[in-house]
Amino acid sequence: MGPNVKGNPLLISVYLLILSYFIGEFVLPKYPLVFILNFLGVATIIVSPIIFFSSRNAFYAYEENPLPQSETDRIIKTGIYAYSRNPIYLSFVLFHLGMFLTFENIMYFLCSIGLFFWLNNYVIEEEEKYLKYKFKNEFERYCNSVKKWIFF
């Protein structure tokens, strides 16, 4: 059995996007941003799926299942995983932030913060506990050489 992760991060991210849209568009006011931030948001929305599919394809190249509850036979350390231990989750959070910057919907921002804390403190924590138990020193060396997200 793999890590004891509650919930599917992809589905939760999508549900939060839908919830954010409805609450942000029909309940909460918009907060206008500087145009350059809108442009940065569009760029982030474009980059996020590239990160996601690059990460997912690395799993498939190694014949691994990307679902967090699944067992694994190896640590993927190549490609985008040489820069971030959790690029799939990074793409989820970046996509929410990009939606906020593009559409000026505060709910996308609030959900990105909540999603980050849930992923960081519950999902990644369980995955890393499982990987430390299964791979011991190899995983510790990987953790020492690659950041959890990108900058920390």
N, C-alpha and C. Protein backbone atom coordinates (compact mmCIF):
# COMPACT_ATOMS: atom_id res chain seq x y z
N MET A 1 0.85 -1.19 0.00
CA MET A 1 0.00 0.00 0.00
C MET A 1 0.89 1.25 0.00
N GLY A 2 0.48 2.26 -0.73
CA GLY A 2 1.23 3.50 -0.85
C GLY A 2 0.95 4.45 0.30
N PRO A 3 1.28 5.71 0.13
CA PRO A 3 1.06 6.71 1.18
C PRO A 3 -0.41 6.84 1.55
N ASN A 4 -0.65 7.19 2.81
CA ASN A 4 -2.01 7.33 3.32
C ASN A 4 -2.52 8.75 3.06
N VAL A 5 -2.70 9.09 1.80
CA VAL A 5 -3.14 10.43 1.40
C VAL A 5 -4.65 10.43 1.31
N LYS A 6 -5.29 11.38 1.98
CA LYS A 6 -6.73 11.53 1.93
C LYS A 6 -7.10 12.47 0.80
N GLY A 7 -7.89 12.03 -0.14
CA GLY A 7 -8.34 12.88 -1.24
C GLY A 7 -7.42 12.78 -2.44
N ASN A 8 -7.97 13.20 -3.57
CA ASN A 8 -7.22 13.22 -4.82
C ASN A 8 -6.87 14.68 -5.14
N PRO A 9 -5.59 15.05 -5.09
CA PRO A 9 -5.21 16.45 -5.31
C PRO A 9 -5.70 17.05 -6.62
N LEU A 10 -5.72 16.27 -7.70
CA LEU A 10 -6.19 16.80 -8.98
C LEU A 10 -7.67 17.15 -8.90
N LEU A 11 -8.48 16.24 -8.36
CA LEU A 11 -9.91 16.52 -8.26
C LEU A 11 -10.20 17.68 -7.33
N ILE A 12 -9.50 17.75 -6.22
CA ILE A 12 -9.71 18.85 -5.28
C ILE A 12 -9.32 20.17 -5.94
N SER A 13 -8.23 20.18 -6.70
CA SER A 13 -7.82 21.39 -7.39
C SER A 13 -8.89 21.84 -8.39
N VAL A 14 -9.45 20.90 -9.14
CA VAL A 14 -10.49 21.23 -10.12
C VAL A 14 -11.76 21.71 -9.41
N TYR A 15 -12.15 21.04 -8.33
CA TYR A 15 -13.34 21.48 -7.58
C TYR A 15 -13.14 22.89 -7.03
N LEU A 16 -11.94 23.18 -6.56
CA LEU A 16 -11.66 24.53 -6.06
C LEU A 16 -11.72 25.57 -7.17
N LEU A 17 -11.27 25.21 -8.36
CA LEU A 17 -11.37 26.14 -9.50
C LEU A 17 -12.83 26.47 -9.80
N ILE A 18 -13.68 25.46 -9.80
CA ILE A 18 -15.10 25.66 -10.08
C ILE A 18 -15.74 26.51 -8.98
N LEU A 19 -15.48 26.16 -7.73
CA LEU A 19 -16.02 26.91 -6.60
C LEU A 19 -15.53 28.36 -6.63
N SER A 20 -14.26 28.54 -6.91
CA SER A 20 -13.69 29.89 -6.98
C SER A 20 -14.36 30.72 -8.06
N TYR A 21 -14.61 30.11 -9.18
CA TYR A 21 -15.26 30.84 -10.27
C TYR A 21 -16.62 31.37 -9.83
N PHE A 22 -17.45 30.49 -9.30
CA PHE A 22 -18.81 30.90 -8.95
C PHE A 22 -18.84 31.91 -7.81
N ILE A 23 -18.07 31.68 -6.77
CA ILE A 23 -18.06 32.62 -5.65
C ILE A 23 -17.43 33.94 -6.06
N GLY A 24 -16.32 33.87 -6.77
CA GLY A 24 -15.61 35.09 -7.18
C GLY A 24 -16.36 35.91 -8.21
N GLU A 25 -17.09 35.27 -9.09
CA GLU A 25 -17.81 35.99 -10.14
C GLU A 25 -19.16 36.53 -9.67
N PHE A 26 -19.83 35.81 -8.79
CA PHE A 26 -21.20 36.16 -8.46
C PHE A 26 -21.40 36.64 -7.02
N VAL A 27 -20.40 36.50 -6.16
CA VAL A 27 -20.57 36.89 -4.76
C VAL A 27 -19.60 38.00 -4.35
N LEU A 28 -18.34 37.81 -4.62
CA LEU A 28 -17.31 38.75 -4.16
C LEU A 28 -16.98 39.79 -5.23
N PRO A 29 -16.55 40.98 -4.79
CA PRO A 29 -16.15 42.00 -5.78
C PRO A 29 -14.79 41.66 -6.40
N LYS A 30 -14.50 42.24 -7.55
CA LYS A 30 -13.20 42.07 -8.20
C LYS A 30 -12.25 43.16 -7.72
N TYR A 31 -10.98 42.83 -7.72
CA TYR A 31 -9.94 43.77 -7.32
C TYR A 31 -9.02 44.00 -8.51
N PRO A 32 -9.17 45.12 -9.21
CA PRO A 32 -8.36 45.36 -10.41
C PRO A 32 -6.86 45.35 -10.12
N LEU A 33 -6.11 44.74 -11.01
CA LEU A 33 -4.66 44.64 -10.87
C LEU A 33 -3.99 45.41 -12.01
N VAL A 34 -2.73 45.66 -11.87
CA VAL A 34 -1.93 46.30 -12.91
C VAL A 34 -1.86 45.34 -14.11
N PHE A 35 -1.86 45.90 -15.32
CA PHE A 35 -1.88 45.09 -16.54
C PHE A 35 -0.76 44.06 -16.59
N ILE A 36 0.42 44.41 -16.14
CA ILE A 36 1.56 43.49 -16.21
C ILE A 36 1.29 42.23 -15.38
N LEU A 37 0.53 42.37 -14.29
CA LEU A 37 0.17 41.21 -13.48
C LEU A 37 -0.81 40.31 -14.23
N ASN A 38 -1.72 40.94 -15.00
CA ASN A 38 -2.62 40.14 -15.85
C ASN A 38 -1.81 39.33 -16.86
N PHE A 39 -0.83 39.96 -17.46
CA PHE A 39 0.03 39.28 -18.43
C PHE A 39 0.81 38.15 -17.76
N LEU A 40 1.33 38.40 -16.56
CA LEU A 40 2.03 37.36 -15.81
C LEU A 40 1.09 36.19 -15.50
N GLY A 41 -0.16 36.51 -15.21
CA GLY A 41 -1.15 35.46 -14.95
C GLY A 41 -1.38 34.58 -16.17
N VAL A 42 -1.49 35.18 -17.35
CA VAL A 42 -1.67 34.41 -18.58
C VAL A 42 -0.46 33.51 -18.81
N ALA A 43 0.73 34.06 -18.60
CA ALA A 43 1.95 33.25 -18.75
C ALA A 43 1.95 32.07 -17.77
N THR A 44 1.52 32.31 -16.55
CA THR A 44 1.46 31.24 -15.54
C THR A 44 0.44 30.18 -15.93
N ILE A 45 -0.70 30.61 -16.46
CA ILE A 45 -1.72 29.65 -16.91
C ILE A 45 -1.17 28.79 -18.06
N ILE A 46 -0.34 29.35 -18.89
CA ILE A 46 0.26 28.59 -20.00
C ILE A 46 1.34 27.64 -19.49
N VAL A 47 2.16 28.09 -18.56
CA VAL A 47 3.28 27.28 -18.06
C VAL A 47 2.80 26.13 -17.16
N SER A 48 1.76 26.35 -16.39
CA SER A 48 1.28 25.33 -15.45
C SER A 48 0.96 23.99 -16.10
N PRO A 49 0.18 23.94 -17.18
CA PRO A 49 -0.06 22.64 -17.81
C PRO A 49 1.20 22.01 -18.39
N ILE A 50 2.13 22.83 -18.83
CA ILE A 50 3.40 22.29 -19.35
C ILE A 50 4.13 21.57 -18.22
N ILE A 51 4.17 22.19 -17.05
CA ILE A 51 4.79 21.55 -15.88
C ILE A 51 4.04 20.27 -15.52
N PHE A 52 2.70 20.35 -15.51
CA PHE A 52 1.89 19.19 -15.15
C PHE A 52 2.15 18.01 -16.09
N PHE A 53 2.04 18.25 -17.40
CA PHE A 53 2.19 17.14 -18.35
C PHE A 53 3.62 16.63 -18.42
N SER A 54 4.58 17.50 -18.22
CA SER A 54 5.97 17.06 -18.16
C SER A 54 6.18 16.13 -16.96
N SER A 55 5.59 16.49 -15.84
CA SER A 55 5.69 15.67 -14.62
C SER A 55 4.98 14.34 -14.79
N ARG A 56 3.77 14.40 -15.31
CA ARG A 56 2.98 13.18 -15.50
C ARG A 56 3.66 12.24 -16.49
N ASN A 57 4.22 12.80 -17.56
CA ASN A 57 4.91 11.97 -18.54
C ASN A 57 6.15 11.29 -17.95
N ALA A 58 6.79 11.95 -17.01
CA ALA A 58 7.94 11.31 -16.34
C ALA A 58 7.48 10.08 -15.57
N PHE A 59 6.32 10.16 -14.92
CA PHE A 59 5.78 8.99 -14.23
C PHE A 59 5.53 7.85 -15.22
N TYR A 60 4.90 8.18 -16.33
CA TYR A 60 4.58 7.14 -17.32
C TYR A 60 5.84 6.58 -17.97
N ALA A 61 6.86 7.39 -18.16
CA ALA A 61 8.12 6.90 -18.74
C ALA A 61 8.77 5.87 -17.83
N TYR A 62 8.59 6.02 -16.52
CA TYR A 62 9.15 5.07 -15.55
C TYR A 62 8.14 4.00 -15.16
N GLU A 63 7.00 3.98 -15.86
CA GLU A 63 5.92 3.02 -15.60
C GLU A 63 5.45 3.08 -14.14
N GLU A 64 5.27 4.29 -13.67
CA GLU A 64 4.77 4.53 -12.32
C GLU A 64 3.39 5.18 -12.40
N ASN A 65 2.61 5.04 -11.33
CA ASN A 65 1.28 5.63 -11.25
C ASN A 65 1.40 6.99 -10.55
N PRO A 66 0.91 8.07 -11.14
CA PRO A 66 1.05 9.38 -10.51
C PRO A 66 0.08 9.64 -9.35
N LEU A 67 -0.89 8.77 -9.11
CA LEU A 67 -1.80 8.99 -7.98
C LEU A 67 -1.04 8.87 -6.67
N PRO A 68 -1.28 9.78 -5.74
CA PRO A 68 -0.48 9.80 -4.51
C PRO A 68 -0.67 8.58 -3.61
N GLN A 69 -1.77 7.86 -3.74
CA GLN A 69 -2.00 6.69 -2.88
C GLN A 69 -1.34 5.42 -3.40
N SER A 70 -0.77 5.47 -4.59
CA SER A 70 -0.21 4.26 -5.20
C SER A 70 1.21 3.98 -4.70
N GLU A 71 1.55 2.70 -4.78
CA GLU A 71 2.91 2.28 -4.42
C GLU A 71 3.88 2.69 -5.52
N THR A 72 5.14 2.76 -5.16
CA THR A 72 6.17 3.12 -6.14
C THR A 72 7.37 2.20 -5.99
N ASP A 73 8.06 1.98 -7.09
CA ASP A 73 9.25 1.12 -7.08
C ASP A 73 10.53 1.92 -7.19
N ARG A 74 10.42 3.21 -7.50
CA ARG A 74 11.63 4.02 -7.68
C ARG A 74 11.33 5.49 -7.43
N ILE A 75 12.38 6.24 -7.22
CA ILE A 75 12.28 7.69 -7.08
C ILE A 75 12.64 8.29 -8.43
N ILE A 76 11.75 9.12 -8.95
CA ILE A 76 12.02 9.78 -10.23
C ILE A 76 12.86 11.02 -9.94
N LYS A 77 14.07 11.05 -10.51
CA LYS A 77 15.00 12.15 -10.21
C LYS A 77 15.44 12.90 -11.46
N THR A 78 14.86 12.59 -12.59
CA THR A 78 15.29 13.22 -13.84
C THR A 78 14.22 14.18 -14.36
N GLY A 79 14.57 14.92 -15.39
CA GLY A 79 13.62 15.87 -15.98
C GLY A 79 13.27 16.96 -14.99
N ILE A 80 12.01 17.28 -14.91
CA ILE A 80 11.55 18.34 -14.02
C ILE A 80 11.74 17.97 -12.54
N TYR A 81 11.82 16.67 -12.26
CA TYR A 81 12.02 16.21 -10.87
C TYR A 81 13.44 16.47 -10.38
N ALA A 82 14.31 16.95 -11.24
CA ALA A 82 15.65 17.36 -10.82
C ALA A 82 15.62 18.77 -10.24
N TYR A 83 14.49 19.48 -10.41
CA TYR A 83 14.36 20.86 -9.93
C TYR A 83 13.33 21.00 -8.81
N SER A 84 12.35 20.13 -8.79
CA SER A 84 11.29 20.18 -7.78
C SER A 84 10.86 18.75 -7.47
N ARG A 85 10.67 18.45 -6.18
CA ARG A 85 10.21 17.12 -5.81
C ARG A 85 8.71 16.95 -6.06
N ASN A 86 8.00 18.06 -6.22
CA ASN A 86 6.54 18.01 -6.36
C ASN A 86 6.04 18.90 -7.49
N PRO A 87 6.51 18.70 -8.71
CA PRO A 87 6.10 19.62 -9.78
C PRO A 87 4.62 19.53 -10.14
N ILE A 88 4.00 18.38 -9.96
CA ILE A 88 2.56 18.28 -10.26
C ILE A 88 1.78 19.20 -9.33
N TYR A 89 2.09 19.15 -8.05
CA TYR A 89 1.40 20.01 -7.08
C TYR A 89 1.75 21.47 -7.31
N LEU A 90 2.99 21.73 -7.68
CA LEU A 90 3.40 23.09 -8.02
C LEU A 90 2.55 23.63 -9.17
N SER A 91 2.28 22.79 -10.17
CA SER A 91 1.46 23.24 -11.30
C SER A 91 0.04 23.56 -10.87
N PHE A 92 -0.51 22.81 -9.91
CA PHE A 92 -1.87 23.11 -9.42
C PHE A 92 -1.91 24.49 -8.77
N VAL A 93 -0.96 24.75 -7.88
CA VAL A 93 -0.95 26.03 -7.16
C VAL A 93 -0.67 27.18 -8.13
N LEU A 94 0.28 27.00 -9.04
CA LEU A 94 0.57 28.05 -10.01
C LEU A 94 -0.63 28.34 -10.91
N PHE A 95 -1.38 27.31 -11.27
CA PHE A 95 -2.55 27.53 -12.12
C PHE A 95 -3.58 28.40 -11.39
N HIS A 96 -3.82 28.10 -10.12
CA HIS A 96 -4.75 28.92 -9.33
C HIS A 96 -4.27 30.36 -9.23
N LEU A 97 -2.97 30.53 -8.98
CA LEU A 97 -2.42 31.89 -8.91
C LEU A 97 -2.55 32.61 -10.25
N GLY A 98 -2.29 31.90 -11.34
CA GLY A 98 -2.44 32.48 -12.67
C GLY A 98 -3.88 32.90 -12.95
N MET A 99 -4.82 32.09 -12.50
CA MET A 99 -6.24 32.45 -12.67
C MET A 99 -6.56 33.72 -11.90
N PHE A 100 -6.02 33.84 -10.69
CA PHE A 100 -6.23 35.07 -9.91
C PHE A 100 -5.66 36.28 -10.62
N LEU A 101 -4.43 36.17 -11.07
CA LEU A 101 -3.78 37.31 -11.72
C LEU A 101 -4.46 37.70 -13.03
N THR A 102 -4.99 36.72 -13.74
CA THR A 102 -5.62 36.99 -15.02
C THR A 102 -7.04 37.55 -14.86
N PHE A 103 -7.83 36.90 -14.02
CA PHE A 103 -9.25 37.24 -13.94
C PHE A 103 -9.61 38.10 -12.73
N GLU A 104 -8.61 38.42 -11.89
CA GLU A 104 -8.80 39.32 -10.74
C GLU A 104 -9.91 38.83 -9.80
N ASN A 105 -9.97 37.52 -9.64
CA ASN A 105 -10.95 36.87 -8.79
C ASN A 105 -10.24 36.43 -7.51
N ILE A 106 -10.54 37.09 -6.41
CA ILE A 106 -9.84 36.85 -5.14
C ILE A 106 -9.99 35.41 -4.65
N MET A 107 -11.05 34.73 -5.03
CA MET A 107 -11.25 33.35 -4.59
C MET A 107 -10.17 32.43 -5.14
N TYR A 108 -9.70 32.68 -6.36
CA TYR A 108 -8.61 31.87 -6.90
C TYR A 108 -7.36 32.03 -6.02
N PHE A 109 -7.11 33.25 -5.57
CA PHE A 109 -5.95 33.50 -4.72
C PHE A 109 -6.10 32.78 -3.37
N LEU A 110 -7.27 32.92 -2.76
CA LEU A 110 -7.51 32.28 -1.46
C LEU A 110 -7.42 30.76 -1.58
N CYS A 111 -7.98 30.21 -2.65
CA CYS A 111 -7.90 28.76 -2.85
C CYS A 111 -6.48 28.30 -3.13
N SER A 112 -5.69 29.13 -3.81
CA SER A 112 -4.29 28.73 -4.06
C SER A 112 -3.52 28.63 -2.75
N ILE A 113 -3.80 29.55 -1.83
CA ILE A 113 -3.14 29.49 -0.52
C ILE A 113 -3.59 28.25 0.25
N GLY A 114 -4.90 28.02 0.28
CA GLY A 114 -5.42 26.83 0.97
C GLY A 114 -4.91 25.55 0.35
N LEU A 115 -4.89 25.50 -0.97
CA LEU A 115 -4.39 24.32 -1.67
C LEU A 115 -2.92 24.09 -1.36
N PHE A 116 -2.13 25.15 -1.35
CA PHE A 116 -0.71 25.03 -1.02
C PHE A 116 -0.52 24.44 0.38
N PHE A 117 -1.24 24.97 1.37
CA PHE A 117 -1.08 24.46 2.73
C PHE A 117 -1.55 23.02 2.87
N TRP A 118 -2.65 22.67 2.21
CA TRP A 118 -3.13 21.29 2.28
C TRP A 118 -2.12 20.35 1.62
N LEU A 119 -1.66 20.70 0.43
CA LEU A 119 -0.69 19.86 -0.26
C LEU A 119 0.60 19.73 0.54
N ASN A 120 1.10 20.85 1.02
CA ASN A 120 2.38 20.86 1.73
C ASN A 120 2.33 20.11 3.06
N ASN A 121 1.27 20.31 3.82
CA ASN A 121 1.21 19.78 5.18
C ASN A 121 0.54 18.42 5.31
N TYR A 122 -0.22 18.00 4.32
CA TYR A 122 -0.91 16.72 4.43
C TYR A 122 -0.53 15.74 3.33
N VAL A 123 -0.64 16.16 2.08
CA VAL A 123 -0.36 15.24 0.98
C VAL A 123 1.13 14.95 0.87
N ILE A 124 1.94 15.99 0.74
CA ILE A 124 3.38 15.80 0.58
C ILE A 124 3.99 15.17 1.83
N GLU A 125 3.49 15.56 2.98
CA GLU A 125 3.99 15.00 4.24
C GLU A 125 3.80 13.47 4.26
N GLU A 126 2.62 13.00 3.87
CA GLU A 126 2.35 11.55 3.83
C GLU A 126 3.20 10.85 2.77
N GLU A 127 3.32 11.49 1.60
CA GLU A 127 4.13 10.89 0.54
C GLU A 127 5.59 10.76 0.97
N GLU A 128 6.11 11.82 1.58
CA GLU A 128 7.53 11.78 1.98
C GLU A 128 7.77 10.81 3.12
N LYS A 129 6.81 10.67 4.01
CA LYS A 129 6.94 9.67 5.08
C LYS A 129 7.04 8.27 4.47
N TYR A 130 6.19 7.99 3.49
CA TYR A 130 6.22 6.71 2.79
C TYR A 130 7.55 6.50 2.06
N LEU A 131 8.01 7.52 1.34
CA LEU A 131 9.25 7.40 0.57
C LEU A 131 10.47 7.25 1.47
N LYS A 132 10.48 7.94 2.62
CA LYS A 132 11.59 7.78 3.58
C LYS A 132 11.63 6.36 4.11
N TYR A 133 10.47 5.80 4.40
CA TYR A 133 10.41 4.44 4.90
C TYR A 133 10.86 3.44 3.83
N LYS A 134 10.43 3.65 2.60
CA LYS A 134 10.71 2.69 1.54
C LYS A 134 12.13 2.81 0.98
N PHE A 135 12.61 4.04 0.79
CA PHE A 135 13.90 4.22 0.11
C PHE A 135 15.03 4.72 1.01
N LYS A 136 14.75 5.06 2.23
CA LYS A 136 15.71 5.46 3.25
C LYS A 136 16.76 6.46 2.75
N ASN A 137 18.02 6.05 2.65
CA ASN A 137 19.12 6.97 2.32
C ASN A 137 19.01 7.57 0.92
N GLU A 138 18.51 6.80 -0.02
CA GLU A 138 18.37 7.32 -1.38
C GLU A 138 17.42 8.52 -1.40
N PHE A 139 16.31 8.41 -0.67
CA PHE A 139 15.36 9.52 -0.64
C PHE A 139 15.93 10.70 0.13
N GLU A 140 16.67 10.46 1.19
CA GLU A 140 17.29 11.57 1.94
C GLU A 140 18.30 12.32 1.07
N ARG A 141 19.08 11.61 0.28
CA ARG A 141 20.01 12.27 -0.64
C ARG A 141 19.26 13.10 -1.67
N TYR A 142 18.16 12.56 -2.17
CA TYR A 142 17.33 13.29 -3.14
C TYR A 142 16.75 14.56 -2.50
N CYS A 143 16.27 14.45 -1.26
CA CYS A 143 15.73 15.61 -0.55
C CYS A 143 16.80 16.68 -0.32
N ASN A 144 18.01 16.26 -0.06
CA ASN A 144 19.10 17.22 0.16
C ASN A 144 19.52 17.92 -1.12
N SER A 145 19.28 17.30 -2.27
CA SER A 145 19.74 17.91 -3.52
C SER A 145 18.62 18.63 -4.29
N VAL A 146 17.35 18.35 -3.98
CA VAL A 146 16.23 18.96 -4.72
C VAL A 146 15.23 19.54 -3.72
N LYS A 147 14.80 20.76 -3.96
CA LYS A 147 13.84 21.44 -3.08
C LYS A 147 12.45 20.80 -3.20
N LYS A 148 11.66 20.96 -2.14
CA LYS A 148 10.31 20.40 -2.13
C LYS A 148 9.44 21.04 -3.21
N TRP A 149 9.49 22.35 -3.30
CA TRP A 149 8.72 23.05 -4.33
C TRP A 149 9.72 23.50 -5.40
N ILE A 150 10.16 24.73 -5.39
CA ILE A 150 11.25 25.14 -6.28
C ILE A 150 12.26 25.93 -5.48
N PHE A 151 11.76 26.88 -4.68
CA PHE A 151 12.66 27.77 -3.93
C PHE A 151 12.84 27.33 -2.48
N PHE A 152 11.99 26.43 -2.00
CA PHE A 152 12.11 25.98 -0.60
C PHE A 152 11.58 24.57 -0.50
